[in-house]
Amino acid sequence: MVSELLYQVAKEKFLSGDISSVQKFFEENSYFLELAYCKMLSGKLKEAKEIFSKNSEDDLRADWGKRFIQFIEGHVTTAPTYFQIRNFLEIDLNLLIKAGRADYVENIINGADIFYSVNPESYKFIARVMYNNDFIDLALYFLGKAKENFYYDPEMHLIFANCYLKKGQKELAKQSVNNCLSILPEYAPAKKLSLQLM
């Protein structure tokens, strides 16, 4: 069995977007889930799907991967579960962005309504990834959808505020922080941001 240190080094390279240098390591050491992700991020969807499918009955993440690829391919027959979306959507969407897979990202976010039908926080999850990757207009678009459907989410209003700040719209940021604090008055990140906006 390979040492934990070697695995951690490979995992860090993978998470930073250095897929090609670690794929062979994952394959030779039977890290099939990681190998499937390498295949997916390299554009080898058929191979990735085969690996995910072989392991999907025993591994929740592999089952998610198999379902996630459906969104990338634009043909969804089996929606992911509430908890799969909650646990993996942001992480994997972020991986696709880091890997430069704009085509895949577009297909994933085009399926946002399906994610929302299973987990009402999905629009916020997508918005948070877009915000963290400086796609502010996309973040605002999905925050708008979240606000229409899930208004009483304080974190959503806080992300709105941060987006407005990045766009230099201080008054809209203040309004969003106030909306957040009206829902959850003791929400520490919003209180901190409110003080910064004074």
C-alpha atoms as a PDB file:
ATOM      1  CA  MET A   1       0.000   0.000   0.000  1.00  0.00           C
ATOM      2  CA  VAL A   2       1.301   3.427  -0.933  1.00  0.00           C
ATOM      3  CA  SER A   3       2.165   5.794   1.894  1.00  0.00           C
ATOM      4  CA  GLU A   4      -0.387   8.314   3.109  1.00  0.00           C
ATOM      5  CA  LEU A   5       2.099  11.110   2.401  1.00  0.00           C
ATOM      6  CA  LEU A   6       2.411  10.178  -1.280  1.00  0.00           C
ATOM      7  CA  TYR A   7      -1.359  10.019  -1.564  1.00  0.00           C
ATOM      8  CA  GLN A   8      -1.744  13.447   0.075  1.00  0.00           C
ATOM      9  CA  VAL A   9       0.817  14.975  -2.309  1.00  0.00           C
ATOM     10  CA  ALA A  10      -1.044  13.493  -5.286  1.00  0.00           C
ATOM     11  CA  LYS A  11      -4.378  14.675  -3.927  1.00  0.00           C
ATOM     12  CA  GLU A  12      -3.072  18.239  -3.465  1.00  0.00           C
ATOM     13  CA  LYS A  13      -1.773  18.269  -7.034  1.00  0.00           C
ATOM     14  CA  PHE A  14      -5.132  16.989  -8.233  1.00  0.00           C
ATOM     15  CA  LEU A  15      -7.076  19.623  -6.289  1.00  0.00           C
ATOM     16  CA  SER A  16      -4.851  22.366  -7.663  1.00  0.00           C
ATOM     17  CA  GLY A  17      -5.770  21.276 -11.202  1.00  0.00           C
ATOM     18  CA  ASP A  18      -2.615  19.307 -12.036  1.00  0.00           C
ATOM     19  CA  ILE A  19      -4.487  16.280 -13.376  1.00  0.00           C
ATOM     20  CA  SER A  20      -2.006  14.812 -15.846  1.00  0.00           C
ATOM     21  CA  SER A  21       0.818  14.366 -13.332  1.00  0.00           C
ATOM     22  CA  VAL A  22      -1.258  12.296 -10.893  1.00  0.00           C
ATOM     23  CA  GLN A  23      -3.544  10.177 -13.059  1.00  0.00           C
ATOM     24  CA  LYS A  24      -0.982   7.388 -13.450  1.00  0.00           C
ATOM     25  CA  PHE A  25      -0.333   7.385  -9.676  1.00  0.00           C
ATOM     26  CA  PHE A  26      -4.043   6.934  -8.931  1.00  0.00           C
ATOM     27  CA  GLU A  27      -4.356   4.173 -11.533  1.00  0.00           C
ATOM     28  CA  GLU A  28      -1.273   2.226 -10.390  1.00  0.00           C
ATOM     29  CA  ASN A  29      -2.331   2.407  -6.733  1.00  0.00           C
ATOM     30  CA  SER A  30      -6.017   1.505  -7.261  1.00  0.00           C
ATOM     31  CA  TYR A  31      -7.499   4.867  -6.263  1.00  0.00           C
ATOM     32  CA  PHE A  32     -10.407   4.360  -8.610  1.00  0.00           C
ATOM     33  CA  LEU A  33     -12.544   7.281  -7.494  1.00  0.00           C
ATOM     34  CA  GLU A  34      -9.673   9.714  -8.001  1.00  0.00           C
ATOM     35  CA  LEU A  35      -8.846   8.061 -11.331  1.00  0.00           C
ATOM     36  CA  ALA A  36     -12.440   8.516 -12.484  1.00  0.00           C
ATOM     37  CA  TYR A  37     -12.239  12.207 -11.600  1.00  0.00           C
ATOM     38  CA  CYS A  38      -8.988  12.531 -13.556  1.00  0.00           C
ATOM     39  CA  LYS A  39     -10.671  10.938 -16.565  1.00  0.00           C
ATOM     40  CA  MET A  40     -13.713  13.203 -16.239  1.00  0.00           C
ATOM     41  CA  LEU A  41     -11.653  16.379 -15.917  1.00  0.00           C
ATOM     42  CA  SER A  42      -9.502  15.294 -18.880  1.00  0.00           C
ATOM     43  CA  GLY A  43     -12.586  14.966 -21.059  1.00  0.00           C
ATOM     44  CA  LYS A  44     -12.689  11.173 -21.113  1.00  0.00           C
ATOM     45  CA  LEU A  45     -16.291  10.931 -19.969  1.00  0.00           C
ATOM     46  CA  LYS A  46     -16.949   7.403 -21.201  1.00  0.00           C
ATOM     47  CA  GLU A  47     -13.983   6.028 -19.246  1.00  0.00           C
ATOM     48  CA  ALA A  48     -14.904   8.074 -16.175  1.00  0.00           C
ATOM     49  CA  LYS A  49     -18.489   6.843 -16.321  1.00  0.00           C
ATOM     50  CA  GLU A  50     -17.348   3.214 -16.536  1.00  0.00           C
ATOM     51  CA  ILE A  51     -15.139   3.593 -13.456  1.00  0.00           C
ATOM     52  CA  PHE A  52     -17.832   5.433 -11.492  1.00  0.00           C
ATOM     53  CA  SER A  53     -20.436   2.826 -12.490  1.00  0.00           C
ATOM     54  CA  LYS A  54     -18.274  -0.112 -11.359  1.00  0.00           C
ATOM     55  CA  ASN A  55     -18.041   1.428  -7.895  1.00  0.00           C
ATOM     56  CA  SER A  56     -21.395   3.213  -7.591  1.00  0.00           C
ATOM     57  CA  GLU A  57     -23.198   0.577  -5.540  1.00  0.00           C
ATOM     58  CA  ASP A  58     -20.599   0.645  -2.778  1.00  0.00           C
ATOM     59  CA  ASP A  59     -19.500   4.284  -2.912  1.00  0.00           C
ATOM     60  CA  LEU A  60     -21.828   7.290  -2.571  1.00  0.00           C
ATOM     61  CA  ARG A  61     -19.299   9.571  -4.263  1.00  0.00           C
ATOM     62  CA  ALA A  62     -18.957   7.222  -7.238  1.00  0.00           C
ATOM     63  CA  ASP A  63     -22.759   7.128  -7.532  1.00  0.00           C
ATOM     64  CA  TRP A  64     -22.752  10.927  -7.520  1.00  0.00           C
ATOM     65  CA  GLY A  65     -20.010  10.979 -10.177  1.00  0.00           C
ATOM     66  CA  LYS A  66     -22.072   8.750 -12.442  1.00  0.00           C
ATOM     67  CA  ARG A  67     -25.086  11.052 -12.043  1.00  0.00           C
ATOM     68  CA  PHE A  68     -22.969  14.218 -12.371  1.00  0.00           C
ATOM     69  CA  ILE A  69     -21.681  13.095 -15.774  1.00  0.00           C
ATOM     70  CA  GLN A  70     -25.284  12.960 -16.985  1.00  0.00           C
ATOM     71  CA  PHE A  71     -25.454  16.737 -16.479  1.00  0.00           C
ATOM     72  CA  ILE A  72     -22.163  17.235 -18.330  1.00  0.00           C
ATOM     73  CA  GLU A  73     -23.531  15.187 -21.230  1.00  0.00           C
ATOM     74  CA  GLY A  74     -26.828  17.078 -21.155  1.00  0.00           C
ATOM     75  CA  HIS A  75     -29.006  14.005 -20.705  1.00  0.00           C
ATOM     76  CA  VAL A  76     -30.208  13.433 -17.144  1.00  0.00           C
ATOM     77  CA  THR A  77     -32.167  10.260 -16.443  1.00  0.00           C
ATOM     78  CA  THR A  78     -31.423   9.858 -12.727  1.00  0.00           C
ATOM     79  CA  ALA A  79     -31.237  12.931 -10.515  1.00  0.00           C
ATOM     80  CA  PRO A  80     -28.753  13.008  -7.652  1.00  0.00           C
ATOM     81  CA  THR A  81     -29.988  12.859  -4.076  1.00  0.00           C
ATOM     82  CA  TYR A  82     -30.472  15.795  -1.732  1.00  0.00           C
ATOM     83  CA  PHE A  83     -27.333  14.929   0.224  1.00  0.00           C
ATOM     84  CA  GLN A  84     -25.231  14.241  -2.859  1.00  0.00           C
ATOM     85  CA  ILE A  85     -26.022  17.750  -4.092  1.00  0.00           C
ATOM     86  CA  ARG A  86     -25.331  19.218  -0.676  1.00  0.00           C
ATOM     87  CA  ASN A  87     -22.029  17.369  -0.263  1.00  0.00           C
ATOM     88  CA  PHE A  88     -20.557  17.377  -3.767  1.00  0.00           C
ATOM     89  CA  LEU A  89     -22.064  19.938  -6.166  1.00  0.00           C
ATOM     90  CA  GLU A  90     -19.923  22.897  -5.108  1.00  0.00           C
ATOM     91  CA  ILE A  91     -16.724  20.885  -4.851  1.00  0.00           C
ATOM     92  CA  ASP A  92     -17.103  19.327  -8.281  1.00  0.00           C
ATOM     93  CA  LEU A  93     -18.287  22.488  -9.997  1.00  0.00           C
ATOM     94  CA  ASN A  94     -15.213  24.214  -8.595  1.00  0.00           C
ATOM     95  CA  LEU A  95     -12.998  21.355  -9.879  1.00  0.00           C
ATOM     96  CA  LEU A  96     -14.438  21.805 -13.368  1.00  0.00           C
ATOM     97  CA  ILE A  97     -13.700  25.537 -13.267  1.00  0.00           C
ATOM     98  CA  LYS A  98     -10.121  24.937 -12.089  1.00  0.00           C
ATOM     99  CA  ALA A  99      -9.646  22.366 -14.852  1.00  0.00           C
ATOM    100  CA  GLY A 100     -10.790  24.921 -17.441  1.00  0.00           C
ATOM    101  CA  ARG A 101     -13.829  22.870 -18.436  1.00  0.00           C
ATOM    102  CA  ALA A 102     -16.102  25.821 -19.288  1.00  0.00           C
ATOM    103  CA  ASP A 103     -18.189  23.593 -21.564  1.00  0.00           C
ATOM    104  CA  TYR A 104     -18.884  21.202 -18.696  1.00  0.00           C
ATOM    105  CA  VAL A 105     -19.609  24.055 -16.287  1.00  0.00           C
ATOM    106  CA  GLU A 106     -22.147  25.476 -18.708  1.00  0.00           C
ATOM    107  CA  ASN A 107     -23.909  22.118 -18.995  1.00  0.00           C
ATOM    108  CA  ILE A 108     -23.943  21.687 -15.217  1.00  0.00           C
ATOM    109  CA  ILE A 109     -25.462  25.096 -14.539  1.00  0.00           C
ATOM    110  CA  ASN A 110     -27.966  24.553 -17.348  1.00  0.00           C
ATOM    111  CA  GLY A 111     -29.257  21.714 -15.148  1.00  0.00           C
ATOM    112  CA  ALA A 112     -29.662  23.975 -12.126  1.00  0.00           C
ATOM    113  CA  ASP A 113     -33.443  23.604 -12.074  1.00  0.00           C
ATOM    114  CA  ILE A 114     -33.084  19.825 -11.708  1.00  0.00           C
ATOM    115  CA  PHE A 115     -30.682  20.286  -8.799  1.00  0.00           C
ATOM    116  CA  TYR A 116     -33.109  22.792  -7.254  1.00  0.00           C
ATOM    117  CA  SER A 117     -36.035  20.363  -7.590  1.00  0.00           C
ATOM    118  CA  VAL A 118     -34.128  17.951  -5.338  1.00  0.00           C
ATOM    119  CA  ASN A 119     -32.350  20.420  -3.043  1.00  0.00           C
ATOM    120  CA  PRO A 120     -33.747  23.983  -2.766  1.00  0.00           C
ATOM    121  CA  GLU A 121     -30.318  25.357  -1.786  1.00  0.00           C
ATOM    122  CA  SER A 122     -28.807  24.392  -5.151  1.00  0.00           C
ATOM    123  CA  TYR A 123     -29.034  27.872  -6.682  1.00  0.00           C
ATOM    124  CA  LYS A 124     -27.127  29.242  -3.688  1.00  0.00           C
ATOM    125  CA  PHE A 125     -24.504  26.507  -3.983  1.00  0.00           C
ATOM    126  CA  ILE A 126     -23.925  27.380  -7.633  1.00  0.00           C
ATOM    127  CA  ALA A 127     -23.863  31.100  -6.828  1.00  0.00           C
ATOM    128  CA  ARG A 128     -21.261  30.576  -4.110  1.00  0.00           C
ATOM    129  CA  VAL A 129     -18.943  28.735  -6.518  1.00  0.00           C
ATOM    130  CA  MET A 130     -19.377  31.469  -9.115  1.00  0.00           C
ATOM    131  CA  TYR A 131     -18.692  34.169  -6.517  1.00  0.00           C
ATOM    132  CA  ASN A 132     -15.569  32.388  -5.257  1.00  0.00           C
ATOM    133  CA  ASN A 133     -14.263  32.165  -8.832  1.00  0.00           C
ATOM    134  CA  ASP A 134     -15.049  35.832  -9.632  1.00  0.00           C
ATOM    135  CA  PHE A 135     -17.943  35.145 -11.998  1.00  0.00           C
ATOM    136  CA  ILE A 136     -19.943  37.805 -10.188  1.00  0.00           C
ATOM    137  CA  ASP A 137     -22.694  38.328 -12.756  1.00  0.00           C
ATOM    138  CA  LEU A 138     -23.375  34.582 -12.859  1.00  0.00           C
ATOM    139  CA  ALA A 139     -23.370  34.507  -9.056  1.00  0.00           C
ATOM    140  CA  LEU A 140     -25.926  37.323  -8.989  1.00  0.00           C
ATOM    141  CA  TYR A 141     -28.089  35.513 -11.532  1.00  0.00           C
ATOM    142  CA  PHE A 142     -28.262  32.369  -9.409  1.00  0.00           C
ATOM    143  CA  LEU A 143     -28.689  34.363  -6.228  1.00  0.00           C
ATOM    144  CA  GLY A 144     -31.707  36.000  -7.877  1.00  0.00           C
ATOM    145  CA  LYS A 145     -33.170  32.562  -8.551  1.00  0.00           C
ATOM    146  CA  ALA A 146     -32.400  31.527  -4.976  1.00  0.00           C
ATOM    147  CA  LYS A 147     -34.050  34.650  -3.603  1.00  0.00           C
ATOM    148  CA  GLU A 148     -37.226  33.978  -5.600  1.00  0.00           C
ATOM    149  CA  ASN A 149     -37.505  30.479  -4.209  1.00  0.00           C
ATOM    150  CA  PHE A 150     -35.743  30.429  -0.846  1.00  0.00           C
ATOM    151  CA  TYR A 151     -35.859  34.022   0.469  1.00  0.00           C
ATOM    152  CA  TYR A 152     -35.285  33.309   4.152  1.00  0.00           C
ATOM    153  CA  ASP A 153     -31.729  32.030   3.757  1.00  0.00           C
ATOM    154  CA  PRO A 154     -29.421  34.488   5.544  1.00  0.00           C
ATOM    155  CA  GLU A 155     -26.272  33.175   3.875  1.00  0.00           C
ATOM    156  CA  MET A 156     -27.757  33.860   0.444  1.00  0.00           C
ATOM    157  CA  HIS A 157     -28.250  37.531   1.370  1.00  0.00           C
ATOM    158  CA  LEU A 158     -24.673  37.703   2.654  1.00  0.00           C
ATOM    159  CA  ILE A 159     -23.336  36.329  -0.650  1.00  0.00           C
ATOM    160  CA  PHE A 160     -25.459  38.960  -2.412  1.00  0.00           C
ATOM    161  CA  ALA A 161     -23.791  41.631  -0.274  1.00  0.00           C
ATOM    162  CA  ASN A 162     -20.325  40.359  -1.103  1.00  0.00           C
ATOM    163  CA  CYS A 163     -21.143  40.265  -4.820  1.00  0.00           C
ATOM    164  CA  TYR A 164     -22.368  43.842  -4.708  1.00  0.00           C
ATOM    165  CA  LEU A 165     -19.198  44.879  -2.909  1.00  0.00           C
ATOM    166  CA  LYS A 166     -17.077  43.288  -5.655  1.00  0.00           C
ATOM    167  CA  LYS A 167     -19.075  45.310  -8.180  1.00  0.00           C
ATOM    168  CA  GLY A 168     -18.596  48.510  -6.141  1.00  0.00           C
ATOM    169  CA  GLN A 169     -22.314  48.793  -5.315  1.00  0.00           C
ATOM    170  CA  LYS A 170     -22.063  49.646  -1.632  1.00  0.00           C
ATOM    171  CA  GLU A 171     -25.698  50.654  -1.111  1.00  0.00           C
ATOM    172  CA  LEU A 172     -26.999  47.388  -2.539  1.00  0.00           C
ATOM    173  CA  ALA A 173     -24.471  45.562  -0.348  1.00  0.00           C
ATOM    174  CA  LYS A 174     -25.860  47.373   2.725  1.00  0.00           C
ATOM    175  CA  GLN A 175     -29.419  46.438   1.762  1.00  0.00           C
ATOM    176  CA  SER A 176     -28.435  42.795   1.401  1.00  0.00           C
ATOM    177  CA  VAL A 177     -26.662  42.767   4.774  1.00  0.00           C
ATOM    178  CA  ASN A 178     -29.730  44.345   6.371  1.00  0.00           C
ATOM    179  CA  ASN A 179     -31.948  41.692   4.752  1.00  0.00           C
ATOM    180  CA  CYS A 180     -29.628  39.042   6.143  1.00  0.00           C
ATOM    181  CA  LEU A 181     -29.688  40.499   9.656  1.00  0.00           C
ATOM    182  CA  SER A 182     -33.475  40.875   9.597  1.00  0.00           C
ATOM    183  CA  ILE A 183     -33.665  37.087   9.129  1.00  0.00           C
ATOM    184  CA  LEU A 184     -30.875  36.159  11.542  1.00  0.00           C
ATOM    185  CA  PRO A 185     -29.895  39.157  13.722  1.00  0.00           C
ATOM    186  CA  GLU A 186     -26.914  37.448  15.379  1.00  0.00           C
ATOM    187  CA  TYR A 187     -25.319  36.077  12.191  1.00  0.00           C
ATOM    188  CA  ALA A 188     -21.688  36.939  12.929  1.00  0.00           C
ATOM    189  CA  PRO A 189     -20.357  37.268   9.344  1.00  0.00           C
ATOM    190  CA  ALA A 190     -23.197  39.648   8.470  1.00  0.00           C
ATOM    191  CA  LYS A 191     -22.673  41.702  11.642  1.00  0.00           C
ATOM    192  CA  LYS A 192     -18.978  41.998  10.805  1.00  0.00           C
ATOM    193  CA  LEU A 193     -19.699  43.055   7.209  1.00  0.00           C
ATOM    194  CA  SER A 194     -22.320  45.534   8.416  1.00  0.00           C
ATOM    195  CA  LEU A 195     -19.709  47.256  10.583  1.00  0.00           C
ATOM    196  CA  GLN A 196     -17.322  47.434   7.620  1.00  0.00           C
ATOM    197  CA  LEU A 197     -20.034  49.072   5.493  1.00  0.00           C
ATOM    198  CA  MET A 198     -20.764  51.868   7.983  1.00  0.00           C
END
